[in-house]
Amino acid sequence: MAQDFVKTMEQEESPLEDTVVKVYRTAKVVKGGRRFGFGALVVVGDRAGTVGIGYGRANEVPAAVEKGIKEAKKELRRVHLVGRTLPHQVTGKFGSTRIAMVPASPGTGVIAGSCARAVLEFAGVQDVLTKVFGSTSAKNVVKAAMDGLMQLRSKEDIEALRGVEVQPVKRW
């Protein structure tokens, strides 16, 4: 029974992909010179609506990346999507960074910088337009993109919250 559970957990984790968004190098000045440390910003996702971000620090780059992946897997979140794009326009915020994400028509692709692109692609978004305002720090952009994705709601969720049926907007 326990072996079956372990197998299903391994099978669920196998489709997860990861990428390193940025590696940071820090220096600590000591009596003998400088001691370098590394930090790795990592995004993990299954490209089907699940994504997580992690930040790991260590004395070597591979160890920092491994810690970042481990943290990102703990922070996995589910994202509501409509087909290949977002259900509605949303603005994510973190610190002084704002990122506007707008649904796009099929075939548009992910129009975003490298940091936001990593989060969106690993979440499974294939058609979206983005614009970053304020700080363009990689950590802030990734966290703001995650904030925006966490604000997404499906039509059914909104109907349940409001207790009414949502009608499409009539265009001229």
Protein backbone atom coordinates (compact mmCIF):
# COMPACT_ATOMS: atom_id res chain seq x y z
CA MET A 1 0.00 0.00 0.00
CA ALA A 2 2.77 2.44 0.94
CA GLN A 3 4.74 1.49 -2.18
CA ASP A 4 1.74 2.35 -4.37
CA PHE A 5 1.55 5.78 -2.74
CA VAL A 6 5.26 6.37 -3.34
CA LYS A 7 4.91 5.33 -6.99
CA THR A 8 1.99 7.69 -7.56
CA MET A 9 3.91 10.55 -5.93
CA GLU A 10 6.90 9.87 -8.19
CA GLN A 11 4.65 9.69 -11.24
CA GLU A 12 3.01 13.01 -10.33
CA GLU A 13 6.37 14.72 -9.89
CA SER A 14 7.90 13.37 -13.10
CA PRO A 15 6.21 15.81 -15.53
CA LEU A 16 7.54 18.81 -13.60
CA GLU A 17 10.15 20.81 -15.48
CA ASP A 18 12.46 23.43 -14.00
CA THR A 19 14.55 26.33 -15.21
CA VAL A 20 17.03 28.68 -13.59
CA VAL A 21 15.88 32.27 -14.12
CA LYS A 22 18.93 33.94 -12.60
CA VAL A 23 22.04 33.10 -10.57
CA TYR A 24 23.27 35.71 -8.08
CA ARG A 25 26.84 35.91 -6.75
CA THR A 26 27.48 37.50 -3.37
CA ALA A 27 30.80 38.21 -1.68
CA LYS A 28 31.63 38.31 2.02
CA VAL A 29 34.90 39.98 2.90
CA VAL A 30 36.88 38.04 5.51
CA LYS A 31 40.43 38.25 6.85
CA GLY A 32 41.85 36.05 4.08
CA GLY A 33 40.00 37.74 1.19
CA ARG A 34 36.53 37.28 -0.27
CA ARG A 35 34.19 34.32 0.25
CA PHE A 36 31.71 33.91 -2.55
CA GLY A 37 28.20 32.56 -2.16
CA PHE A 38 25.54 31.93 -4.77
CA GLY A 39 21.78 32.28 -4.98
CA ALA A 40 19.58 30.72 -7.64
CA LEU A 41 16.09 31.87 -8.65
CA VAL A 42 14.22 28.85 -10.04
CA VAL A 43 10.81 28.26 -11.65
CA VAL A 44 9.18 24.81 -11.65
CA GLY A 45 6.01 23.85 -13.52
CA ASP A 46 4.22 21.21 -15.56
CA ARG A 47 3.14 23.54 -18.42
CA ALA A 48 -0.47 22.56 -17.66
CA GLY A 49 -1.61 24.96 -14.94
CA THR A 50 0.79 24.26 -12.04
CA VAL A 51 3.76 26.51 -11.26
CA GLY A 52 6.04 27.38 -8.33
CA ILE A 53 9.03 29.60 -7.66
CA GLY A 54 11.97 29.04 -5.33
CA TYR A 55 15.17 30.71 -4.23
CA GLY A 56 18.12 28.69 -2.95
CA ARG A 57 21.44 29.89 -1.53
CA ALA A 58 24.65 27.91 -1.10
CA ASN A 59 28.44 28.10 -1.49
CA GLU A 60 28.29 26.45 -4.93
CA VAL A 61 25.93 27.05 -7.87
CA PRO A 62 24.64 23.44 -8.28
CA ALA A 63 23.76 23.23 -4.58
CA ALA A 64 21.94 26.59 -4.77
CA VAL A 65 19.97 25.42 -7.83
CA GLU A 66 19.03 22.17 -6.09
CA LYS A 67 17.79 24.06 -3.02
CA GLY A 68 15.81 26.42 -5.26
CA ILE A 69 14.14 23.50 -7.06
CA LYS A 70 13.27 21.87 -3.75
CA GLU A 71 11.67 25.08 -2.46
CA ALA A 72 9.81 25.68 -5.73
CA LYS A 73 8.26 22.18 -5.57
CA LYS A 74 6.99 22.99 -2.06
CA GLU A 75 5.46 26.25 -3.34
CA LEU A 76 3.53 24.79 -6.30
CA ARG A 77 0.26 26.59 -7.04
CA ARG A 78 -2.63 25.86 -9.41
CA VAL A 79 -3.44 28.50 -12.07
CA HIS A 80 -6.84 28.98 -13.75
CA LEU A 81 -6.47 29.12 -17.53
CA VAL A 82 -8.89 29.31 -20.44
CA GLY A 83 -7.41 27.15 -23.16
CA ARG A 84 -3.99 28.58 -23.98
CA THR A 85 -4.45 32.01 -22.37
CA LEU A 86 -5.62 33.84 -19.26
CA PRO A 87 -9.34 34.15 -18.42
CA HIS A 88 -9.08 37.95 -17.95
CA GLN A 89 -6.66 40.86 -17.69
CA VAL A 90 -4.76 41.03 -14.40
CA THR A 91 -2.07 43.12 -12.71
CA GLY A 92 0.43 41.44 -10.39
CA LYS A 93 2.28 43.44 -7.76
CA PHE A 94 5.36 42.87 -5.64
CA GLY A 95 7.39 45.64 -4.07
CA SER A 96 7.75 48.46 -6.59
CA THR A 97 7.14 46.09 -9.52
CA ARG A 98 3.83 45.93 -11.38
CA ILE A 99 3.20 43.53 -14.25
CA ALA A 100 0.14 43.80 -16.48
CA MET A 101 -0.88 40.54 -18.15
CA VAL A 102 -3.46 40.65 -20.95
CA PRO A 103 -5.06 37.61 -22.66
CA ALA A 104 -4.12 37.33 -26.33
CA SER A 105 -5.61 35.63 -29.36
CA PRO A 106 -4.32 32.18 -30.39
CA GLY A 107 -0.97 32.25 -32.16
CA THR A 108 0.28 35.41 -30.44
CA GLY A 109 2.76 33.61 -28.19
CA VAL A 110 4.20 34.78 -24.88
CA ILE A 111 5.17 38.42 -25.30
CA ALA A 112 7.20 38.94 -22.13
CA GLY A 113 10.71 39.43 -20.78
CA SER A 114 12.79 36.43 -19.75
CA CYS A 115 11.76 36.43 -16.06
CA ALA A 116 8.02 36.74 -16.63
CA ARG A 117 8.22 34.39 -19.65
CA ALA A 118 9.64 31.58 -17.48
CA VAL A 119 6.75 31.82 -14.99
CA LEU A 120 4.06 32.08 -17.69
CA GLU A 121 5.39 29.27 -19.90
CA PHE A 122 5.84 26.85 -17.00
CA ALA A 123 2.30 27.69 -15.87
CA GLY A 124 1.02 26.62 -19.29
CA VAL A 125 0.16 30.04 -20.74
CA GLN A 126 0.90 30.14 -24.47
CA ASP A 127 -0.75 33.39 -25.60
CA VAL A 128 -0.34 36.52 -23.46
CA LEU A 129 0.84 40.13 -23.63
CA THR A 130 2.76 41.58 -20.67
CA LYS A 131 4.22 44.91 -19.60
CA VAL A 132 6.40 45.49 -16.53
CA PHE A 133 6.23 48.82 -14.68
CA GLY A 134 8.61 49.98 -11.95
CA SER A 135 11.50 47.79 -10.82
CA THR A 136 12.68 45.18 -13.34
CA SER A 137 14.62 43.14 -10.77
CA ALA A 138 14.32 39.43 -11.64
CA LYS A 139 13.14 38.45 -8.15
CA ASN A 140 10.46 41.14 -8.10
CA VAL A 141 9.22 40.41 -11.64
CA VAL A 142 8.90 36.67 -10.94
CA LYS A 143 7.05 37.28 -7.66
CA ALA A 144 4.77 39.89 -9.28
CA ALA A 145 3.95 37.47 -12.12
CA MET A 146 3.07 34.78 -9.56
CA ASP A 147 0.88 37.30 -7.70
CA GLY A 148 -0.96 38.08 -10.92
CA LEU A 149 -1.51 34.41 -11.74
CA MET A 150 -2.88 33.81 -8.23
CA GLN A 151 -5.50 36.54 -8.82
CA LEU A 152 -6.99 34.73 -11.84
CA ARG A 153 -10.52 33.39 -11.41
CA SER A 154 -12.62 31.22 -13.71
CA LYS A 155 -16.15 32.20 -14.75
CA GLU A 156 -17.58 29.48 -12.48
CA ASP A 157 -15.62 30.79 -9.46
CA ILE A 158 -16.93 34.33 -9.98
CA GLU A 159 -20.51 33.09 -10.39
CA ALA A 160 -20.24 31.10 -7.15
CA LEU A 161 -18.72 34.05 -5.24
CA ARG A 162 -21.32 36.56 -6.44
CA GLY A 163 -24.29 34.22 -6.50
CA VAL A 164 -25.34 35.38 -9.96
CA GLU A 165 -24.82 34.23 -13.53
CA VAL A 166 -22.14 36.12 -15.43
CA GLN A 167 -23.21 37.24 -18.91
CA PRO A 168 -20.80 37.98 -21.76
CA VAL A 169 -20.26 41.65 -22.60
CA LYS A 170 -22.21 42.72 -25.70
CA ARG A 171 -20.08 44.51 -28.26
CA TRP A 172 -21.43 46.97 -30.84
